[in-house]
Amino acid sequence: MQTKLLNYRIIVSPDIETGSGKRGYTAFCPTLGVVDDLEQS
């Protein structure tokens, strides 16, 4: 199996969850059009 290294820019920014007001982060990859968020515990 051959390994391939891919390099994508990921933009991580602090965010506040709508409704609960909890702090967290949002990560966005413009090349892939993917967004995800993480709630800080």
Protein backbone atom coordinates (compact mmCIF):
# COMPACT_ATOMS: atom_id res chain seq x y z
CA MET A 1 0.00 0.00 0.00
CA GLN A 2 1.40 3.40 -1.01
CA THR A 3 1.10 6.36 1.37
CA LYS A 4 0.20 9.74 -0.09
CA LEU A 5 0.65 12.98 1.84
CA LEU A 6 -1.99 15.64 1.16
CA ASN A 7 -1.62 19.24 2.30
CA TYR A 8 -4.78 21.30 2.96
CA ARG A 9 -5.22 24.65 4.67
CA ILE A 10 -7.46 24.41 7.76
CA ILE A 11 -8.83 27.58 9.34
CA VAL A 12 -9.62 27.17 13.06
CA SER A 13 -11.44 29.97 14.86
CA PRO A 14 -13.02 30.36 18.32
CA ASP A 15 -16.80 30.19 18.28
CA ILE A 16 -19.81 30.29 20.63
CA GLU A 17 -22.51 27.64 20.20
CA THR A 18 -25.86 29.09 19.21
CA GLY A 19 -28.52 28.51 21.86
CA SER A 20 -26.33 27.25 24.69
CA GLY A 21 -23.65 29.96 24.56
CA LYS A 22 -20.90 27.38 25.19
CA ARG A 23 -17.41 28.17 23.89
CA GLY A 24 -15.80 26.00 21.25
CA TYR A 25 -14.01 26.07 17.91
CA THR A 26 -14.96 25.87 14.25
CA ALA A 27 -12.63 24.32 11.66
CA PHE A 28 -13.06 25.03 7.93
CA CYS A 29 -11.23 23.56 4.93
CA PRO A 30 -11.97 25.83 1.93
CA THR A 31 -10.50 23.39 -0.62
CA LEU A 32 -12.81 20.55 0.41
CA GLY A 33 -15.75 22.72 1.52
CA VAL A 34 -15.88 20.91 4.89
CA VAL A 35 -16.79 22.53 8.23
CA ASP A 36 -16.84 20.97 11.69
CA ASP A 37 -17.14 22.28 15.23
CA LEU A 38 -15.95 21.20 18.66
CA GLU A 39 -17.45 22.18 21.99
CA GLN A 40 -14.85 23.03 24.63
CA SER A 41 -15.38 21.07 27.85
